[in-house]
PDB file of N, CA and C in Angstrom:
ATOM      1  N   MET A   1      73.431 129.255  36.885  1.00  0.00           N
ATOM      2  CA  MET A   1      72.893 130.130  35.864  1.00  0.00           C
ATOM      3  C   MET A   1      73.931 131.197  35.550  1.00  0.00           C
ATOM      4  N   THR A   2      74.254 131.331  34.311  1.00  0.00           N
ATOM      5  CA  THR A   2      75.253 132.320  33.923  1.00  0.00           C
ATOM      6  C   THR A   2      74.568 133.610  33.511  1.00  0.00           C
ATOM      7  N   HIS A   3      75.258 134.700  33.773  1.00  0.00           N
ATOM      8  CA  HIS A   3      74.737 136.014  33.403  1.00  0.00           C
ATOM      9  C   HIS A   3      75.322 136.394  32.061  1.00  0.00           C
ATOM     10  N   SER A   4      74.470 136.583  31.080  1.00  0.00           N
ATOM     11  CA  SER A   4      74.962 136.958  29.752  1.00  0.00           C
ATOM     12  C   SER A   4      74.575 138.400  29.460  1.00  0.00           C
ATOM     13  N   ARG A   5      75.448 139.076  28.733  1.00  0.00           N
ATOM     14  CA  ARG A   5      75.160 140.448  28.339  1.00  0.00           C
ATOM     15  C   ARG A   5      74.079 140.432  27.266  1.00  0.00           C
ATOM     16  N   PRO A   6      73.259 141.464  27.271  1.00  0.00           N
ATOM     17  CA  PRO A   6      72.244 141.507  26.220  1.00  0.00           C
ATOM     18  C   PRO A   6      72.900 141.644  24.857  1.00  0.00           C
ATOM     19  N   ASP A   7      72.181 141.181  23.853  1.00  0.00           N
ATOM     20  CA  ASP A   7      72.709 141.231  22.489  1.00  0.00           C
ATOM     21  C   ASP A   7      72.421 142.609  21.892  1.00  0.00           C
ATOM     22  N   THR A   8      73.006 143.618  22.499  1.00  0.00           N
ATOM     23  CA  THR A   8      72.886 144.996  22.015  1.00  0.00           C
ATOM     24  C   THR A   8      74.224 145.404  21.431  1.00  0.00           C
ATOM     25  N   PRO A   9      74.249 146.483  20.654  1.00  0.00           N
ATOM     26  CA  PRO A   9      75.548 146.934  20.126  1.00  0.00           C
ATOM     27  C   PRO A   9      76.565 147.225  21.228  1.00  0.00           C
ATOM     28  N   ALA A  10      76.118 147.823  22.338  1.00  0.00           N
ATOM     29  CA  ALA A  10      77.044 148.111  23.436  1.00  0.00           C
ATOM     30  C   ALA A  10      77.536 146.813  24.082  1.00  0.00           C
ATOM     31  N   GLY A  11      76.666 145.830  24.225  1.00  0.00           N
ATOM     32  CA  GLY A  11      77.066 144.548  24.802  1.00  0.00           C
ATOM     33  C   GLY A  11      78.063 143.816  23.932  1.00  0.00           C
ATOM     34  N   ARG A  12      77.828 143.854  22.614  1.00  0.00           N
ATOM     35  CA  ARG A  12      78.772 143.214  21.688  1.00  0.00           C
ATOM     36  C   ARG A  12      80.104 143.949  21.674  1.00  0.00           C
ATOM     37  N   LEU A  13      80.040 145.272  21.791  1.00  0.00           N
ATOM     38  CA  LEU A  13      81.262 146.076  21.776  1.00  0.00           C
ATOM     39  C   LEU A  13      82.103 145.811  23.024  1.00  0.00           C
ATOM     40  N   LEU A  14      81.436 145.641  24.168  1.00  0.00           N
ATOM     41  CA  LEU A  14      82.170 145.405  25.419  1.00  0.00           C
ATOM     42  C   LEU A  14      82.771 144.008  25.495  1.00  0.00           C
ATOM     43  N   ARG A  15      82.406 143.130  24.575  1.00  0.00           N
ATOM     44  CA  ARG A  15      83.038 141.809  24.539  1.00  0.00           C
ATOM     45  C   ARG A  15      84.449 141.877  23.979  1.00  0.00           C
ATOM     46  N   LEU A  16      84.769 142.942  23.255  1.00  0.00           N
ATOM     47  CA  LEU A  16      86.115 143.100  22.703  1.00  0.00           C
ATOM     48  C   LEU A  16      87.067 143.509  23.827  1.00  0.00           C
ATOM     49  N   PRO A  17      88.168 142.788  23.984  1.00  0.00           N
ATOM     50  CA  PRO A  17      89.058 143.062  25.117  1.00  0.00           C
ATOM     51  C   PRO A  17      89.631 144.479  25.126  1.00  0.00           C
ATOM     52  N   LEU A  18      89.998 145.019  23.965  1.00  0.00           N
ATOM     53  CA  LEU A  18      90.582 146.352  23.934  1.00  0.00           C
ATOM     54  C   LEU A  18      89.558 147.413  24.325  1.00  0.00           C
ATOM     55  N   VAL A  19      88.331 147.275  23.846  1.00  0.00           N
ATOM     56  CA  VAL A  19      87.284 148.236  24.179  1.00  0.00           C
ATOM     57  C   VAL A  19      86.972 148.162  25.673  1.00  0.00           C
ATOM     58  N   ARG A  20      86.921 146.947  26.211  1.00  0.00           N
ATOM     59  CA  ARG A  20      86.667 146.781  27.638  1.00  0.00           C
ATOM     60  C   ARG A  20      87.790 147.404  28.464  1.00  0.00           C
ATOM     61  N   LEU A  21      89.043 147.200  28.036  1.00  0.00           N
ATOM     62  CA  LEU A  21      90.187 147.796  28.730  1.00  0.00           C
ATOM     63  C   LEU A  21      90.087 149.318  28.718  1.00  0.00           C
ATOM     64  N   LEU A  22      89.766 149.889  27.560  1.00  0.00           N
ATOM     65  CA  LEU A  22      89.666 151.341  27.462  1.00  0.00           C
ATOM     66  C   LEU A  22      88.497 151.881  28.273  1.00  0.00           C
ATOM     67  N   ALA A  23      87.371 151.190  28.269  1.00  0.00           N
ATOM     68  CA  ALA A  23      86.202 151.647  29.020  1.00  0.00           C
ATOM     69  C   ALA A  23      86.470 151.637  30.525  1.00  0.00           C
ATOM     70  N   ILE A  24      87.107 150.591  31.004  1.00  0.00           N
ATOM     71  CA  ILE A  24      87.422 150.502  32.435  1.00  0.00           C
ATOM     72  C   ILE A  24      88.393 151.604  32.831  1.00  0.00           C
ATOM     73  N   ASN A  25      89.406 151.828  32.013  1.00  0.00           N
ATOM     74  CA  ASN A  25      90.394 152.847  32.351  1.00  0.00           C
ATOM     75  C   ASN A  25      89.839 154.256  32.184  1.00  0.00           C
ATOM     76  N   LEU A  26      88.907 154.457  31.259  1.00  0.00           N
ATOM     77  CA  LEU A  26      88.239 155.749  31.149  1.00  0.00           C
ATOM     78  C   LEU A  26      87.432 156.024  32.411  1.00  0.00           C
ATOM     79  N   ALA A  27      86.737 155.009  32.903  1.00  0.00           N
ATOM     80  CA  ALA A  27      85.961 155.177  34.136  1.00  0.00           C
ATOM     81  C   ALA A  27      86.874 155.520  35.309  1.00  0.00           C
ATOM     82  N   ILE A  28      88.033 154.888  35.384  1.00  0.00           N
ATOM     83  CA  ILE A  28      88.987 155.199  36.451  1.00  0.00           C
ATOM     84  C   ILE A  28      89.456 156.649  36.329  1.00  0.00           C
ATOM     85  N   GLY A  29      89.747 157.092  35.104  1.00  0.00           N
ATOM     86  CA  GLY A  29      90.167 158.472  34.886  1.00  0.00           C
ATOM     87  C   GLY A  29      89.076 159.462  35.258  1.00  0.00           C
ATOM     88  N   LEU A  30      87.813 159.132  34.967  1.00  0.00           N
ATOM     89  CA  LEU A  30      86.706 160.012  35.323  1.00  0.00           C
ATOM     90  C   LEU A  30      86.533 160.115  36.831  1.00  0.00           C
ATOM     91  N   VAL A  31      86.721 159.013  37.532  1.00  0.00           N
ATOM     92  CA  VAL A  31      86.639 159.049  38.998  1.00  0.00           C
ATOM     93  C   VAL A  31      87.753 159.926  39.561  1.00  0.00           C
ATOM     94  N   ILE A  32      88.955 159.802  39.013  1.00  0.00           N
ATOM     95  CA  ILE A  32      90.070 160.643  39.468  1.00  0.00           C
ATOM     96  C   ILE A  32      89.769 162.113  39.186  1.00  0.00           C
ATOM     97  N   ALA A  33      89.164 162.403  38.028  1.00  0.00           N
ATOM     98  CA  ALA A  33      88.824 163.784  37.686  1.00  0.00           C
ATOM     99  C   ALA A  33      87.799 164.357  38.653  1.00  0.00           C
ATOM    100  N   VAL A  34      86.783 163.579  38.977  1.00  0.00           N
ATOM    101  CA  VAL A  34      85.765 164.048  39.921  1.00  0.00           C
ATOM    102  C   VAL A  34      86.388 164.290  41.288  1.00  0.00           C
ATOM    103  N   LEU A  35      87.264 163.382  41.717  1.00  0.00           N
ATOM    104  CA  LEU A  35      87.927 163.568  43.010  1.00  0.00           C
ATOM    105  C   LEU A  35      88.834 164.794  43.006  1.00  0.00           C
ATOM    106  N   ALA A  36      89.511 165.051  41.899  1.00  0.00           N
ATOM    107  CA  ALA A  36      90.395 166.212  41.815  1.00  0.00           C
ATOM    108  C   ALA A  36      89.596 167.512  41.880  1.00  0.00           C
ATOM    109  N   VAL A  37      88.501 167.585  41.136  1.00  0.00           N
ATOM    110  CA  VAL A  37      87.679 168.801  41.161  1.00  0.00           C
ATOM    111  C   VAL A  37      87.032 168.972  42.534  1.00  0.00           C
ATOM    112  N   ALA A  38      86.548 167.880  43.114  1.00  0.00           N
ATOM    113  CA  ALA A  38      85.964 167.964  44.458  1.00  0.00           C
ATOM    114  C   ALA A  38      87.012 168.403  45.474  1.00  0.00           C
ATOM    115  N   GLY A  39      88.233 167.904  45.335  1.00  0.00           N
ATOM    116  CA  GLY A  39      89.301 168.314  46.249  1.00  0.00           C
ATOM    117  C   GLY A  39      89.649 169.781  46.086  1.00  0.00           C
ATOM    118  N   LEU A  40      89.703 170.259  44.845  1.00  0.00           N
ATOM    119  CA  LEU A  40      89.970 171.683  44.616  1.00  0.00           C
ATOM    120  C   LEU A  40      88.881 172.555  45.221  1.00  0.00           C
ATOM    121  N   MET A  41      87.646 172.125  45.071  1.00  0.00           N
ATOM    122  CA  MET A  41      86.537 172.902  45.636  1.00  0.00           C
ATOM    123  C   MET A  41      86.530 172.828  47.164  1.00  0.00           C
ATOM    124  N   ALA A  42      86.807 171.661  47.712  1.00  0.00           N
ATOM    125  CA  ALA A  42      86.787 171.503  49.167  1.00  0.00           C
ATOM    126  C   ALA A  42      87.913 172.289  49.836  1.00  0.00           C
ATOM    127  N   LEU A  43      89.083 172.295  49.212  1.00  0.00           N
ATOM    128  CA  LEU A  43      90.231 172.987  49.805  1.00  0.00           C
ATOM    129  C   LEU A  43      90.261 174.475  49.474  1.00  0.00           C
ATOM    130  N   ASP A  44      89.420 174.903  48.560  1.00  0.00           N
ATOM    131  CA  ASP A  44      89.395 176.292  48.091  1.00  0.00           C
ATOM    132  C   ASP A  44      90.799 176.731  47.663  1.00  0.00           C
ATOM    133  N   ALA A  45      91.432 175.890  46.865  1.00  0.00           N
ATOM    134  CA  ALA A  45      92.795 176.146  46.412  1.00  0.00           C
ATOM    135  C   ALA A  45      92.829 177.417  45.575  1.00  0.00           C
ATOM    136  N   HIS A  46      93.689 178.341  45.965  1.00  0.00           N
ATOM    137  CA  HIS A  46      93.848 179.630  45.287  1.00  0.00           C
ATOM    138  C   HIS A  46      92.511 180.349  45.135  1.00  0.00           C
ATOM    139  N   ARG A  47      91.650 180.167  46.124  1.00  0.00           N
ATOM    140  CA  ARG A  47      90.321 180.800  46.168  1.00  0.00           C
ATOM    141  C   ARG A  47      89.459 180.430  44.957  1.00  0.00           C
ATOM    142  N   LEU A  48      89.653 179.236  44.440  1.00  0.00           N
ATOM    143  CA  LEU A  48      88.898 178.785  43.271  1.00  0.00           C
ATOM    144  C   LEU A  48      87.422 178.601  43.603  1.00  0.00           C
ATOM    145  N   ARG A  49      87.120 177.996  44.753  1.00  0.00           N
ATOM    146  CA  ARG A  49      85.725 177.791  45.142  1.00  0.00           C
ATOM    147  C   ARG A  49      85.013 179.128  45.307  1.00  0.00           C
ATOM    148  N   THR A  50      85.687 180.097  45.923  1.00  0.00           N
ATOM    149  CA  THR A  50      85.104 181.418  46.106  1.00  0.00           C
ATOM    150  C   THR A  50      84.818 182.070  44.761  1.00  0.00           C
ATOM    151  N   LEU A  51      85.754 181.930  43.834  1.00  0.00           N
ATOM    152  CA  LEU A  51      85.582 182.503  42.504  1.00  0.00           C
ATOM    153  C   LEU A  51      84.441 181.831  41.751  1.00  0.00           C
ATOM    154  N   VAL A  52      84.386 180.501  41.803  1.00  0.00           N
ATOM    155  CA  VAL A  52      83.351 179.768  41.060  1.00  0.00           C
ATOM    156  C   VAL A  52      81.970 180.025  41.659  1.00  0.00           C
ATOM    157  N   LEU A  53      81.851 179.980  42.971  1.00  0.00           N
ATOM    158  CA  LEU A  53      80.540 180.167  43.595  1.00  0.00           C
ATOM    159  C   LEU A  53      80.076 181.621  43.524  1.00  0.00           C
ATOM    160  N   GLY A  54      80.988 182.563  43.316  1.00  0.00           N
ATOM    161  CA  GLY A  54      80.611 183.960  43.156  1.00  0.00           C
ATOM    162  C   GLY A  54      80.165 184.285  41.739  1.00  0.00           C
ATOM    163  N   ASP A  55      80.265 183.337  40.831  1.00  0.00           N
ATOM    164  CA  ASP A  55      79.867 183.542  39.444  1.00  0.00           C
ATOM    165  C   ASP A  55      78.346 183.473  39.319  1.00  0.00           C
ATOM    166  N   GLN A  56      77.811 184.010  38.213  1.00  0.00           N
ATOM    167  CA  GLN A  56      76.361 183.967  37.995  1.00  0.00           C
ATOM    168  C   GLN A  56      75.877 182.545  37.735  1.00  0.00           C
ATOM    169  N   SER A  57      76.713 181.718  37.115  1.00  0.00           N
ATOM    170  CA  SER A  57      76.326 180.337  36.823  1.00  0.00           C
ATOM    171  C   SER A  57      77.450 179.395  37.268  1.00  0.00           C
ATOM    172  N   PRO A  58      77.507 179.074  38.547  1.00  0.00           N
ATOM    173  CA  PRO A  58      78.587 178.211  39.029  1.00  0.00           C
ATOM    174  C   PRO A  58      78.519 176.794  38.472  1.00  0.00           C
ATOM    175  N   VAL A  59      77.334 176.340  38.079  1.00  0.00           N
ATOM    176  CA  VAL A  59      77.206 174.987  37.539  1.00  0.00           C
ATOM    177  C   VAL A  59      77.968 174.878  36.217  1.00  0.00           C
ATOM    178  N   VAL A  60      77.889 175.920  35.394  1.00  0.00           N
ATOM    179  CA  VAL A  60      78.605 175.908  34.118  1.00  0.00           C
ATOM    180  C   VAL A  60      80.110 175.920  34.364  1.00  0.00           C
ATOM    181  N   ALA A  61      80.556 176.738  35.318  1.00  0.00           N
ATOM    182  CA  ALA A  61      81.984 176.815  35.625  1.00  0.00           C
ATOM    183  C   ALA A  61      82.506 175.475  36.144  1.00  0.00           C
ATOM    184  N   ILE A  62      81.777 174.852  37.030  1.00  0.00           N
ATOM    185  CA  ILE A  62      82.193 173.551  37.559  1.00  0.00           C
ATOM    186  C   ILE A  62      82.127 172.497  36.457  1.00  0.00           C
ATOM    187  N   GLY A  63      81.115 172.564  35.601  1.00  0.00           N
ATOM    188  CA  GLY A  63      81.003 171.615  34.493  1.00  0.00           C
ATOM    189  C   GLY A  63      82.173 171.728  33.532  1.00  0.00           C
ATOM    190  N   LEU A  64      82.565 172.953  33.201  1.00  0.00           N
ATOM    191  CA  LEU A  64      83.701 173.135  32.307  1.00  0.00           C
ATOM    192  C   LEU A  64      85.003 172.669  32.960  1.00  0.00           C
ATOM    193  N   LEU A  65      85.156 172.951  34.235  1.00  0.00           N
ATOM    194  CA  LEU A  65      86.346 172.494  34.954  1.00  0.00           C
ATOM    195  C   LEU A  65      86.380 170.964  35.006  1.00  0.00           C
ATOM    196  N   LEU A  66      85.238 170.370  35.283  1.00  0.00           N
ATOM    197  CA  LEU A  66      85.157 168.909  35.344  1.00  0.00           C
ATOM    198  C   LEU A  66      85.397 168.294  33.968  1.00  0.00           C
ATOM    199  N   PHE A  67      84.869 168.917  32.913  1.00  0.00           N
ATOM    200  CA  PHE A  67      85.080 168.408  31.561  1.00  0.00           C
ATOM    201  C   PHE A  67      86.565 168.430  31.197  1.00  0.00           C
ATOM    202  N   GLY A  68      87.240 169.528  31.509  1.00  0.00           N
ATOM    203  CA  GLY A  68      88.672 169.618  31.216  1.00  0.00           C
ATOM    204  C   GLY A  68      89.478 168.568  31.962  1.00  0.00           C
ATOM    205  N   PHE A  69      89.170 168.388  33.235  1.00  0.00           N
ATOM    206  CA  PHE A  69      89.872 167.370  34.019  1.00  0.00           C
ATOM    207  C   PHE A  69      89.534 165.971  33.506  1.00  0.00           C
ATOM    208  N   ALA A  70      88.277 165.739  33.123  1.00  0.00           N
ATOM    209  CA  ALA A  70      87.868 164.415  32.653  1.00  0.00           C
ATOM    210  C   ALA A  70      88.577 164.048  31.352  1.00  0.00           C
ATOM    211  N   VAL A  71      88.664 164.999  30.427  1.00  0.00           N
ATOM    212  CA  VAL A  71      89.349 164.725  29.166  1.00  0.00           C
ATOM    213  C   VAL A  71      90.823 164.453  29.424  1.00  0.00           C
ATOM    214  N   THR A  72      91.438 165.293  30.244  1.00  0.00           N
ATOM    215  CA  THR A  72      92.867 165.156  30.503  1.00  0.00           C
ATOM    216  C   THR A  72      93.188 163.866  31.257  1.00  0.00           C
ATOM    217  N   LEU A  73      92.534 163.651  32.380  1.00  0.00           N
ATOM    218  CA  LEU A  73      92.863 162.493  33.210  1.00  0.00           C
ATOM    219  C   LEU A  73      92.330 161.190  32.619  1.00  0.00           C
ATOM    220  N   GLY A  74      91.179 161.242  31.954  1.00  0.00           N
ATOM    221  CA  GLY A  74      90.654 160.041  31.306  1.00  0.00           C
ATOM    222  C   GLY A  74      91.578 159.556  30.202  1.00  0.00           C
ATOM    223  N   SER A  75      92.044 160.477  29.370  1.00  0.00           N
ATOM    224  CA  SER A  75      92.956 160.074  28.297  1.00  0.00           C
ATOM    225  C   SER A  75      94.318 159.671  28.840  1.00  0.00           C
ATOM    226  N   TRP A  76      94.740 160.284  29.934  1.00  0.00           N
ATOM    227  CA  TRP A  76      96.010 159.905  30.555  1.00  0.00           C
ATOM    228  C   TRP A  76      95.954 158.458  31.048  1.00  0.00           C
ATOM    229  N   VAL A  77      94.901 158.097  31.744  1.00  0.00           N
ATOM    230  CA  VAL A  77      94.789 156.731  32.272  1.00  0.00           C
ATOM    231  C   VAL A  77      94.620 155.731  31.131  1.00  0.00           C
ATOM    232  N   MET A  78      93.831 156.079  30.109  1.00  0.00           N
ATOM    233  CA  MET A  78      93.668 155.179  28.964  1.00  0.00           C
ATOM    234  C   MET A  78      94.985 155.001  28.214  1.00  0.00           C
ATOM    235  N   GLY A  79      95.716 156.080  28.027  1.00  0.00           N
ATOM    236  CA  GLY A  79      97.009 155.999  27.347  1.00  0.00           C
ATOM    237  C   GLY A  79      98.001 155.157  28.118  1.00  0.00           C
ATOM    238  N   THR A  80      97.983 155.301  29.437  1.00  0.00           N
ATOM    239  CA  THR A  80      98.871 154.486  30.268  1.00  0.00           C
ATOM    240  C   THR A  80      98.533 153.006  30.133  1.00  0.00           C
ATOM    241  N   ALA A  81      97.257 152.695  30.080  1.00  0.00           N
ATOM    242  CA  ALA A  81      96.846 151.292  29.935  1.00  0.00           C
ATOM    243  C   ALA A  81      97.281 150.736  28.588  1.00  0.00           C
ATOM    244  N   VAL A  82      97.160 151.539  27.539  1.00  0.00           N
ATOM    245  CA  VAL A  82      97.565 151.070  26.213  1.00  0.00           C
ATOM    246  C   VAL A  82      99.078 150.869  26.167  1.00  0.00           C
ATOM    247  N   MET A  83      99.827 151.794  26.761  1.00  0.00           N
ATOM    248  CA  MET A  83     101.287 151.679  26.736  1.00  0.00           C
ATOM    249  C   MET A  83     101.784 150.475  27.533  1.00  0.00           C
ATOM    250  N   ARG A  84     101.005 150.024  28.499  1.00  0.00           N
ATOM    251  CA  ARG A  84     101.408 148.879  29.313  1.00  0.00           C
ATOM    252  C   ARG A  84     100.989 147.546  28.703  1.00  0.00           C
ATOM    253  N   LEU A  85     100.345 147.547  27.545  1.00  0.00           N
ATOM    254  CA  LEU A  85      99.879 146.294  26.952  1.00  0.00           C
ATOM    255  C   LEU A  85     101.016 145.327  26.645  1.00  0.00           C
ATOM    256  N   GLY A  86     102.192 145.816  26.318  1.00  0.00           N
ATOM    257  CA  GLY A  86     103.294 144.933  25.955  1.00  0.00           C
ATOM    258  C   GLY A  86     104.070 144.388  27.132  1.00  0.00           C
ATOM    259  N   GLU A  87     103.746 144.810  28.341  1.00  0.00           N
ATOM    260  CA  GLU A  87     104.490 144.343  29.511  1.00  0.00           C
ATOM    261  C   GLU A  87     103.961 143.003  29.988  1.00  0.00           C
ATOM    262  N   ARG A  88     104.878 142.210  30.518  1.00  0.00           N
ATOM    263  CA  ARG A  88     104.485 140.938  31.131  1.00  0.00           C
ATOM    264  C   ARG A  88     104.371 141.153  32.629  1.00  0.00           C
ATOM    265  N   ASP A  89     103.407 140.514  33.248  1.00  0.00           N
ATOM    266  CA  ASP A  89     103.262 140.591  34.700  1.00  0.00           C
ATOM    267  C   ASP A  89     103.703 139.258  35.284  1.00  0.00           C
ATOM    268  N   ASP A  90     104.982 139.211  35.713  1.00  0.00           N
ATOM    269  CA  ASP A  90     105.511 137.954  36.233  1.00  0.00           C
ATOM    270  C   ASP A  90     105.515 137.917  37.755  1.00  0.00           C
ATOM    271  N   GLY A  91     104.903 138.908  38.396  1.00  0.00           N
ATOM    272  CA  GLY A  91     104.804 138.907  39.840  1.00  0.00           C
ATOM    273  C   GLY A  91     106.060 139.354  40.551  1.00  0.00           C
ATOM    274  N   ALA A  92     107.102 139.730  39.821  1.00  0.00           N
ATOM    275  CA  ALA A  92     108.355 140.132  40.447  1.00  0.00           C
ATOM    276  C   ALA A  92     108.393 141.633  40.714  1.00  0.00           C
ATOM    277  N   GLY A  93     107.269 142.276  40.633  1.00  0.00           N
ATOM    278  CA  GLY A  93     107.224 143.711  40.857  1.00  0.00           C
ATOM    279  C   GLY A  93     107.615 144.463  39.605  1.00  0.00           C
ATOM    280  N   GLY A  94     106.693 145.239  39.079  1.00  0.00           N
ATOM    281  CA  GLY A  94     106.977 145.983  37.855  1.00  0.00           C
ATOM    282  C   GLY A  94     107.181 145.023  36.707  1.00  0.00           C
ATOM    283  N   GLY A  95     106.342 145.088  35.724  1.00  0.00           N
ATOM    284  CA  GLY A  95     106.419 144.157  34.609  1.00  0.00           C
ATOM    285  C   GLY A  95     107.691 144.302  33.811  1.00  0.00           C
ATOM    286  N   ALA A  96     108.099 143.224  33.200  1.00  0.00           N
ATOM    287  CA  ALA A  96     109.268 143.262  32.326  1.00  0.00           C
ATOM    288  C   ALA A  96     108.815 143.650  30.931  1.00  0.00           C
ATOM    289  N   ALA A  97     109.638 144.360  30.246  1.00  0.00           N
ATOM    290  CA  ALA A  97     109.276 144.796  28.900  1.00  0.00           C
ATOM    291  C   ALA A  97     109.211 143.601  27.960  1.00  0.00           C
ATOM    292  N   ALA A  98     108.352 143.713  26.982  1.00  0.00           N
ATOM    293  CA  ALA A  98     108.228 142.661  25.982  1.00  0.00           C
ATOM    294  C   ALA A  98     109.506 142.596  25.156  1.00  0.00           C
ATOM    295  N   PRO A  99     109.824 141.443  24.599  1.00  0.00           N
ATOM    296  CA  PRO A  99     111.038 141.350  23.801  1.00  0.00           C
ATOM    297  C   PRO A  99     110.968 142.296  22.609  1.00  0.00           C
ATOM    298  N   ALA A 100     112.099 142.883  22.301  1.00  0.00           N
ATOM    299  CA  ALA A 100     112.153 143.842  21.198  1.00  0.00           C
ATOM    300  C   ALA A 100     112.013 143.118  19.876  1.00  0.00           C
ATOM    301  N   ALA A 101     111.607 143.854  18.872  1.00  0.00           N
ATOM    302  CA  ALA A 101     111.499 143.294  17.531  1.00  0.00           C
ATOM    303  C   ALA A 101     112.887 142.901  17.047  1.00  0.00           C
ATOM    304  N   PRO A 102     112.986 141.887  16.227  1.00  0.00           N
ATOM    305  CA  PRO A 102     114.311 141.483  15.752  1.00  0.00           C
ATOM    306  C   PRO A 102     114.990 142.621  15.002  1.00  0.00           C
ATOM    307  N   ALA A 103     116.286 142.714  15.196  1.00  0.00           N
ATOM    308  CA  ALA A 103     117.047 143.778  14.541  1.00  0.00           C
ATOM    309  C   ALA A 103     117.084 143.546  13.040  1.00  0.00           C
ATOM    310  N   VAL A 104     117.053 144.621  12.311  1.00  0.00           N
ATOM    311  CA  VAL A 104     117.117 144.534  10.854  1.00  0.00           C
ATOM    312  C   VAL A 104     118.574 144.340  10.459  1.00  0.00           C
ATOM    313  N   GLU A 105     118.793 143.382   9.603  1.00  0.00           N
ATOM    314  CA  GLU A 105     120.155 143.116   9.157  1.00  0.00           C
ATOM    315  C   GLU A 105     120.593 144.216   8.208  1.00  0.00           C
ATOM    316  N   GLN A 106     121.755 144.783   8.480  1.00  0.00           N
ATOM    317  CA  GLN A 106     122.264 145.851   7.636  1.00  0.00           C
ATOM    318  C   GLN A 106     123.276 145.273   6.655  1.00  0.00           C
ATOM    319  N   ARG A 107     123.186 145.712   5.405  1.00  0.00           N
ATOM    320  CA  ARG A 107     124.115 145.251   4.381  1.00  0.00           C
ATOM    321  C   ARG A 107     124.761 146.463   3.745  1.00  0.00           C
ATOM    322  N   GLY A 108     125.949 146.270   3.253  1.00  0.00           N
ATOM    323  CA  GLY A 108     126.618 147.354   2.549  1.00  0.00           C
ATOM    324  C   GLY A 108     127.599 148.084   3.446  1.00  0.00           C
ATOM    325  N   GLU A 109     128.260 149.021   2.868  1.00  0.00           N
ATOM    326  CA  GLU A 109     129.276 149.804   3.562  1.00  0.00           C
ATOM    327  C   GLU A 109     128.775 151.226   3.756  1.00  0.00           C
ATOM    328  N   PRO A 110     129.202 151.876   4.842  1.00  0.00           N
ATOM    329  CA  PRO A 110     128.840 153.282   4.999  1.00  0.00           C
ATOM    330  C   PRO A 110     129.526 154.120   3.928  1.00  0.00           C
ATOM    331  N   MET A 111     128.857 155.191   3.514  1.00  0.00           N
ATOM    332  CA  MET A 111     129.448 156.046   2.501  1.00  0.00           C
ATOM    333  C   MET A 111     129.286 157.506   2.892  1.00  0.00           C
ATOM    334  N   ALA A 112     130.174 158.318   2.398  1.00  0.00           N
ATOM    335  CA  ALA A 112     130.128 159.742   2.692  1.00  0.00           C
ATOM    336  C   ALA A 112     129.046 160.400   1.845  1.00  0.00           C
ATOM    337  N   VAL A 113     128.328 161.330   2.450  1.00  0.00           N
ATOM    338  CA  VAL A 113     127.277 162.062   1.755  1.00  0.00           C
ATOM    339  C   VAL A 113     127.528 163.537   1.953  1.00  0.00           C
ATOM    340  N   ARG A 114     127.491 164.284   0.882  1.00  0.00           N
ATOM    341  CA  ARG A 114     127.712 165.725   0.969  1.00  0.00           C
ATOM    342  C   ARG A 114     126.424 166.402   1.396  1.00  0.00           C
ATOM    343  N   ALA A 115     126.494 167.167   2.469  1.00  0.00           N
ATOM    344  CA  ALA A 115     125.330 167.896   2.952  1.00  0.00           C
ATOM    345  C   ALA A 115     125.450 169.356   2.544  1.00  0.00           C
ATOM    346  N   ARG A 116     124.376 169.879   2.016  1.00  0.00           N
ATOM    347  CA  ARG A 116     124.365 171.267   1.601  1.00  0.00           C
ATOM    348  C   ARG A 116     123.638 172.110   2.642  1.00  0.00           C
ATOM    349  N   GLY A 117     124.123 173.326   2.798  1.00  0.00           N
ATOM    350  CA  GLY A 117     123.471 174.265   3.700  1.00  0.00           C
ATOM    351  C   GLY A 117     122.261 174.893   3.036  1.00  0.00           C
ATOM    352  N   PRO A 118     121.542 175.739   3.763  1.00  0.00           N
ATOM    353  CA  PRO A 118     120.366 176.397   3.181  1.00  0.00           C
ATOM    354  C   PRO A 118     120.763 177.353   2.055  1.00  0.00           C
ATOM    355  N   ARG A 119     119.897 177.472   1.083  1.00  0.00           N
ATOM    356  CA  ARG A 119     120.159 178.360  -0.049  1.00  0.00           C
ATOM    357  C   ARG A 119     119.954 179.802   0.399  1.00  0.00           C
ATOM    358  N   ARG A 120     120.781 180.656  -0.165  1.00  0.00           N
ATOM    359  CA  ARG A 120     120.665 182.087   0.182  1.00  0.00           C
ATOM    360  C   ARG A 120     120.295 182.881  -1.011  1.00  0.00           C
TER     361      ARG A 120
END
């Protein structure tokens, strides 16, 4: 028996490989963000935990800190995944870059061009 996704807009959207790649990498970035904020709070780095817990609404402060980390790290991981799309994984450690686009054939001769400075 095979497990099929429901025929919902989200299910249809997740069938697209690029959307699935971005969703998975966003989730990875969010996990890293949660771990980073939890680590900052646990270690009390630069007395951040003391400052946040001494506030009138520490939940808002932690939420804003988590939101900033989530946006930053989530987009970082997603961007890294997109930038790696052109690499081949041949198992030799570190993917090889995709072949470059063919060079454009240049015609004609170079010519001198007079450059003018800013007007005064």
